[in-house]
Amino acid sequence: MELQDQNLLVTGAAGLIGQSVVRKALSKGATLILTDINKTRVFSLKDELDELYPGKVHAFPIDLTNIEGIKSLLSLALSKVPHINSAVHCAYPRSIGWGTDFEQLQPGFLYEDLNNQLGISILFSQQLIQHFLSNGGGHLIHIASIYGVRPPLFSQYKGTSIKSPIEYTAIKAGIISITSWLAKYYRDKNIRVNCISPGGIFDSQPEPFPSQYRRNCSNIGLLKPTHISESVIFLLSAAAEAINGQNIVVDDGWTL
């Protein structure tokens, strides 16, 4: 599953999933365009990777929560590579009201999160696919969630301060829906659009959450970012040529 011919754009590149995708794709030969709103983290990542893969990494700290940022990113990316073959949209912007209890949910924060996560995913797809159409095709991967497939098991959160916001479920279900819509809309254009729905990823969550989450899984429990990036690399490869419009669930059996 080599990617030597790929110029891959990764948003949210400094996050858990984004970094794992970047490292794995570089190891397979891809040229990477990284973007993240966190300037310090994305340039630190680029500096680290430049030592291992000189000339293969380009980085731009850009706010993608507006159409101007998306257009600017594509323009800057195309100043470094002749075209973009594929993209993985991992960006995960959240308002300061993210995680508020349902009963205290404020309209302004709700609208901001729905726009910045779902609305911007639609606009990012719009702008990127326009580029794909003028360059013979391409592949876009969105990141959804198991909570877009099934509602949360609220018992997992008992005794913790961790929340699963209703807007997260709505956004991720929407990501799954726009994935299939886009794949169908752009049939016969050599364009593929897929998404991955990860299960919970370990990020130093305190007990009892990891143990309670594990009870609903098959063998692993909370996942490593590499469990997700391996599936991303497969979808980007020629081996997945016939996979289009699909939601790939990677959750150690949580949704069973």
Protein backbone atom coordinates (compact mmCIF):
# COMPACT_ATOMS: atom_id res chain seq x y z
CA MET A 1 0.00 0.00 0.00
CA GLU A 2 2.53 2.56 -1.18
CA LEU A 3 1.57 6.23 -1.70
CA GLN A 4 4.54 7.63 -3.63
CA ASP A 5 2.30 9.30 -6.19
CA GLN A 6 0.16 11.08 -3.63
CA ASN A 7 0.17 14.71 -2.57
CA LEU A 8 -1.89 14.40 0.59
CA LEU A 9 -3.54 17.29 2.45
CA VAL A 10 -4.25 16.67 6.15
CA THR A 11 -6.28 19.14 8.21
CA GLY A 12 -6.03 19.04 11.98
CA ALA A 13 -2.58 17.61 11.34
CA ALA A 14 -1.27 18.32 14.84
CA GLY A 15 -4.06 16.35 16.55
CA LEU A 16 -4.01 12.72 17.67
CA ILE A 17 -5.44 11.23 14.49
CA GLY A 18 -3.90 13.83 12.20
CA GLN A 19 -0.35 13.25 13.41
CA SER A 20 -0.73 9.50 13.11
CA VAL A 21 -2.04 9.80 9.54
CA VAL A 22 0.81 12.15 8.62
CA ARG A 23 3.53 9.87 9.97
CA LYS A 24 2.10 6.74 8.38
CA ALA A 25 1.53 8.42 4.99
CA LEU A 26 5.09 9.75 4.94
CA SER A 27 6.42 6.28 5.67
CA LYS A 28 4.53 5.10 2.58
CA GLY A 29 6.08 7.73 0.32
CA ALA A 30 3.43 10.46 0.17
CA THR A 31 4.18 14.18 0.03
CA LEU A 32 2.29 15.95 2.84
CA ILE A 33 0.57 19.30 3.16
CA LEU A 34 -0.19 19.88 6.83
CA THR A 35 -2.55 22.42 8.27
CA ASP A 36 -3.66 23.12 11.82
CA ILE A 37 -4.89 26.19 13.66
CA ASN A 38 -2.17 25.64 16.27
CA LYS A 39 0.85 27.35 14.69
CA THR A 40 3.35 26.15 17.30
CA ARG A 41 2.34 22.51 17.10
CA VAL A 42 2.10 22.27 13.32
CA PHE A 43 5.52 23.90 12.76
CA SER A 44 7.05 21.76 15.50
CA LEU A 45 5.69 18.69 13.74
CA LYS A 46 7.06 19.88 10.39
CA ASP A 47 10.50 20.54 11.87
CA GLU A 48 10.60 17.06 13.36
CA LEU A 49 9.50 15.39 10.13
CA ASP A 50 11.83 17.44 7.90
CA GLU A 51 14.78 15.64 9.44
CA LEU A 52 13.38 12.26 8.43
CA TYR A 53 11.69 13.22 5.16
CA PRO A 54 13.44 16.30 3.73
CA GLY A 55 11.40 18.15 1.13
CA LYS A 56 8.30 15.99 1.68
CA VAL A 57 6.43 18.13 4.22
CA HIS A 58 4.77 21.53 3.83
CA ALA A 59 2.91 23.19 6.69
CA PHE A 60 0.44 26.07 6.95
CA PRO A 61 -1.20 27.25 10.20
CA ILE A 62 -4.65 28.30 9.01
CA ASP A 63 -8.06 28.82 10.60
CA LEU A 64 -10.44 26.72 8.49
CA THR A 65 -13.64 27.87 10.17
CA ASN A 66 -14.43 30.17 7.25
CA ILE A 67 -14.44 29.88 3.48
CA GLU A 68 -11.57 32.37 3.11
CA GLY A 69 -9.33 30.12 5.20
CA ILE A 70 -10.20 27.10 3.08
CA LYS A 71 -9.45 28.93 -0.16
CA SER A 72 -6.21 30.30 1.27
CA LEU A 73 -5.11 26.81 2.30
CA LEU A 74 -5.69 25.37 -1.16
CA SER A 75 -3.87 28.28 -2.79
CA LEU A 76 -0.86 27.90 -0.49
CA ALA A 77 -0.82 24.11 -0.92
CA LEU A 78 -0.81 24.48 -4.70
CA SER A 79 2.14 26.82 -4.47
CA LYS A 80 4.12 23.83 -3.15
CA VAL A 81 2.70 20.91 -5.13
CA PRO A 82 1.25 20.82 -8.67
CA HIS A 83 -2.00 19.21 -7.53
CA ILE A 84 -3.65 17.53 -4.54
CA ASN A 85 -4.54 13.87 -5.03
CA SER A 86 -6.19 13.26 -1.69
CA ALA A 87 -7.14 14.79 1.63
CA VAL A 88 -8.01 13.67 5.14
CA HIS A 89 -10.17 16.16 7.02
CA CYS A 90 -9.30 15.69 10.70
CA ALA A 91 -9.86 19.26 11.91
CA TYR A 92 -11.98 19.38 15.08
CA PRO A 93 -12.69 23.01 16.10
CA ARG A 94 -14.78 23.51 19.26
CA SER A 95 -16.43 26.53 20.82
CA ILE A 96 -15.78 27.50 24.43
CA GLY A 97 -19.22 26.09 25.20
CA TRP A 98 -18.34 22.62 23.93
CA GLY A 99 -19.28 19.87 26.38
CA THR A 100 -21.99 21.86 28.17
CA ASP A 101 -24.77 19.77 29.68
CA PHE A 102 -27.76 19.45 27.34
CA GLU A 103 -29.97 21.40 29.72
CA GLN A 104 -27.57 24.38 29.70
CA LEU A 105 -26.75 24.34 25.97
CA GLN A 106 -26.56 27.90 24.60
CA PRO A 107 -27.76 28.69 21.04
CA GLY A 108 -24.67 30.70 20.08
CA PHE A 109 -22.22 27.94 20.99
CA LEU A 110 -24.45 25.31 19.38
CA TYR A 111 -24.58 27.23 16.09
CA GLU A 112 -20.83 27.82 16.18
CA ASP A 113 -20.04 24.13 16.63
CA LEU A 114 -22.55 22.96 14.02
CA ASN A 115 -21.07 25.44 11.54
CA ASN A 116 -17.40 24.88 12.32
CA GLN A 117 -17.54 21.10 12.30
CA LEU A 118 -20.35 20.09 9.93
CA GLY A 119 -20.86 23.23 7.86
CA ILE A 120 -17.16 23.72 7.23
CA SER A 121 -16.79 20.03 6.33
CA ILE A 122 -19.32 20.65 3.56
CA LEU A 123 -17.55 23.79 2.35
CA PHE A 124 -14.13 22.14 2.57
CA SER A 125 -15.51 19.30 0.43
CA GLN A 126 -16.94 21.80 -2.05
CA GLN A 127 -13.65 23.65 -2.55
CA LEU A 128 -11.45 20.55 -2.63
CA ILE A 129 -13.66 18.64 -5.05
CA GLN A 130 -13.62 21.61 -7.43
CA HIS A 131 -9.86 21.14 -7.53
CA PHE A 132 -10.26 17.38 -8.02
CA LEU A 133 -12.60 17.97 -10.98
CA SER A 134 -10.00 20.11 -12.74
CA ASN A 135 -7.23 17.59 -12.11
CA GLY A 136 -8.71 14.24 -13.11
CA GLY A 137 -10.13 13.16 -9.75
CA GLY A 138 -9.12 12.57 -6.15
CA HIS A 139 -10.06 11.05 -2.82
CA LEU A 140 -11.43 12.77 0.27
CA ILE A 141 -11.71 11.11 3.69
CA HIS A 142 -13.76 12.62 6.50
CA ILE A 143 -13.52 11.59 10.15
CA ALA A 144 -16.88 10.72 11.71
CA SER A 145 -17.45 8.71 14.91
CA ILE A 146 -19.20 5.68 16.34
CA TYR A 147 -21.55 8.23 17.93
CA GLY A 148 -22.73 9.07 14.44
CA VAL A 149 -23.73 5.41 14.11
CA ARG A 150 -25.08 4.65 17.60
CA PRO A 151 -26.05 6.88 20.53
CA PRO A 152 -23.63 7.05 23.45
CA LEU A 153 -23.70 4.52 26.25
CA PHE A 154 -24.06 7.05 29.02
CA SER A 155 -23.19 4.46 31.68
CA GLN A 156 -19.58 4.65 30.43
CA TYR A 157 -19.32 8.17 31.83
CA LYS A 158 -20.59 7.39 35.32
CA GLY A 159 -18.23 8.75 37.98
CA THR A 160 -16.32 10.95 35.49
CA SER A 161 -16.48 14.55 34.30
CA ILE A 162 -16.38 13.45 30.63
CA LYS A 163 -19.39 14.43 28.51
CA SER A 164 -20.75 13.35 25.16
CA PRO A 165 -22.55 16.41 23.72
CA ILE A 166 -25.70 15.96 21.65
CA GLU A 167 -24.21 18.21 18.97
CA TYR A 168 -21.29 15.78 18.58
CA THR A 169 -23.70 12.99 17.68
CA ALA A 170 -25.58 15.27 15.28
CA ILE A 171 -22.37 16.46 13.61
CA LYS A 172 -20.87 13.01 13.17
CA ALA A 173 -24.12 11.54 11.83
CA GLY A 174 -24.11 14.43 9.38
CA ILE A 175 -20.54 13.66 8.31
CA ILE A 176 -21.58 10.10 7.46
CA SER A 177 -24.53 11.41 5.44
CA ILE A 178 -22.57 13.99 3.45
CA THR A 179 -19.97 11.34 2.64
CA SER A 180 -22.46 9.13 0.84
CA TRP A 181 -24.18 12.15 -0.75
CA LEU A 182 -20.92 13.45 -2.22
CA ALA A 183 -19.85 10.05 -3.49
CA LYS A 184 -23.17 9.62 -5.27
CA TYR A 185 -23.30 13.19 -6.59
CA TYR A 186 -19.86 12.93 -8.19
CA ARG A 187 -20.25 9.53 -9.80
CA ASP A 188 -18.29 8.96 -13.02
CA LYS A 189 -15.82 11.74 -12.11
CA ASN A 190 -13.00 9.56 -10.70
CA ILE A 191 -13.74 11.01 -7.26
CA ARG A 192 -14.04 8.96 -4.10
CA VAL A 193 -15.37 10.20 -0.77
CA ASN A 194 -15.29 7.98 2.30
CA CYS A 195 -15.29 8.44 6.04
CA ILE A 196 -14.00 6.58 9.07
CA SER A 197 -15.89 6.28 12.34
CA PRO A 198 -13.38 5.70 15.13
CA GLY A 199 -14.23 4.32 18.50
CA GLY A 200 -12.87 6.03 21.59
CA ILE A 201 -9.16 6.84 21.44
CA PHE A 202 -7.00 6.78 24.54
CA ASP A 203 -5.95 10.30 25.50
CA SER A 204 -4.98 9.96 29.17
CA GLN A 205 -8.62 9.68 30.27
CA PRO A 206 -8.70 8.90 34.01
CA GLU A 207 -10.32 5.86 35.50
CA PRO A 208 -13.02 4.68 35.68
CA PHE A 209 -13.73 5.72 32.08
CA PRO A 210 -11.23 3.39 30.30
CA SER A 211 -12.43 0.37 32.25
CA GLN A 212 -16.09 1.20 31.77
CA TYR A 213 -15.57 1.79 28.05
CA ARG A 214 -13.69 -1.50 27.69
CA ARG A 215 -16.73 -3.52 28.87
CA ASN A 216 -18.52 -2.69 25.62
CA CYS A 217 -15.62 -3.68 23.32
CA SER A 218 -14.31 -6.99 22.03
CA ASN A 219 -10.56 -7.14 22.62
CA ILE A 220 -8.88 -3.75 23.03
CA GLY A 221 -11.03 -1.03 24.53
CA LEU A 222 -9.85 2.51 23.91
CA LEU A 223 -7.90 2.61 20.65
CA LYS A 224 -4.52 3.99 19.64
CA PRO A 225 -4.39 6.65 16.89
CA THR A 226 -2.53 4.12 14.75
CA HIS A 227 -5.63 1.92 14.68
CA ILE A 228 -7.30 4.73 12.73
CA SER A 229 -4.38 5.80 10.54
CA GLU A 230 -3.85 2.25 9.27
CA SER A 231 -7.41 2.29 7.94
CA VAL A 232 -6.88 5.72 6.41
CA ILE A 233 -3.80 4.51 4.56
CA PHE A 234 -5.72 1.53 3.22
CA LEU A 235 -8.49 3.80 1.91
CA LEU A 236 -5.93 6.06 0.25
CA SER A 237 -4.24 3.14 -1.48
CA ALA A 238 -5.01 1.49 -4.81
CA ALA A 239 -6.28 -1.53 -2.86
CA ALA A 240 -9.39 0.49 -1.92
CA GLU A 241 -10.18 1.63 -5.47
CA ALA A 242 -13.68 0.10 -5.33
CA ILE A 243 -14.61 1.61 -1.95
CA ASN A 244 -16.66 4.77 -2.32
CA GLY A 245 -19.28 6.51 -0.20
CA GLN A 246 -18.65 4.21 2.75
CA ASN A 247 -18.38 4.69 6.49
CA ILE A 248 -15.63 2.42 7.82
CA VAL A 249 -16.21 1.69 11.51
CA VAL A 250 -13.02 1.09 13.52
CA ASP A 251 -14.18 0.48 17.07
CA ASP A 252 -13.11 -2.93 18.42
CA GLY A 253 -16.71 -4.08 18.26
CA TRP A 254 -18.23 -1.25 20.31
CA THR A 255 -21.17 -0.83 17.93
CA LEU A 256 -22.07 -4.52 17.91
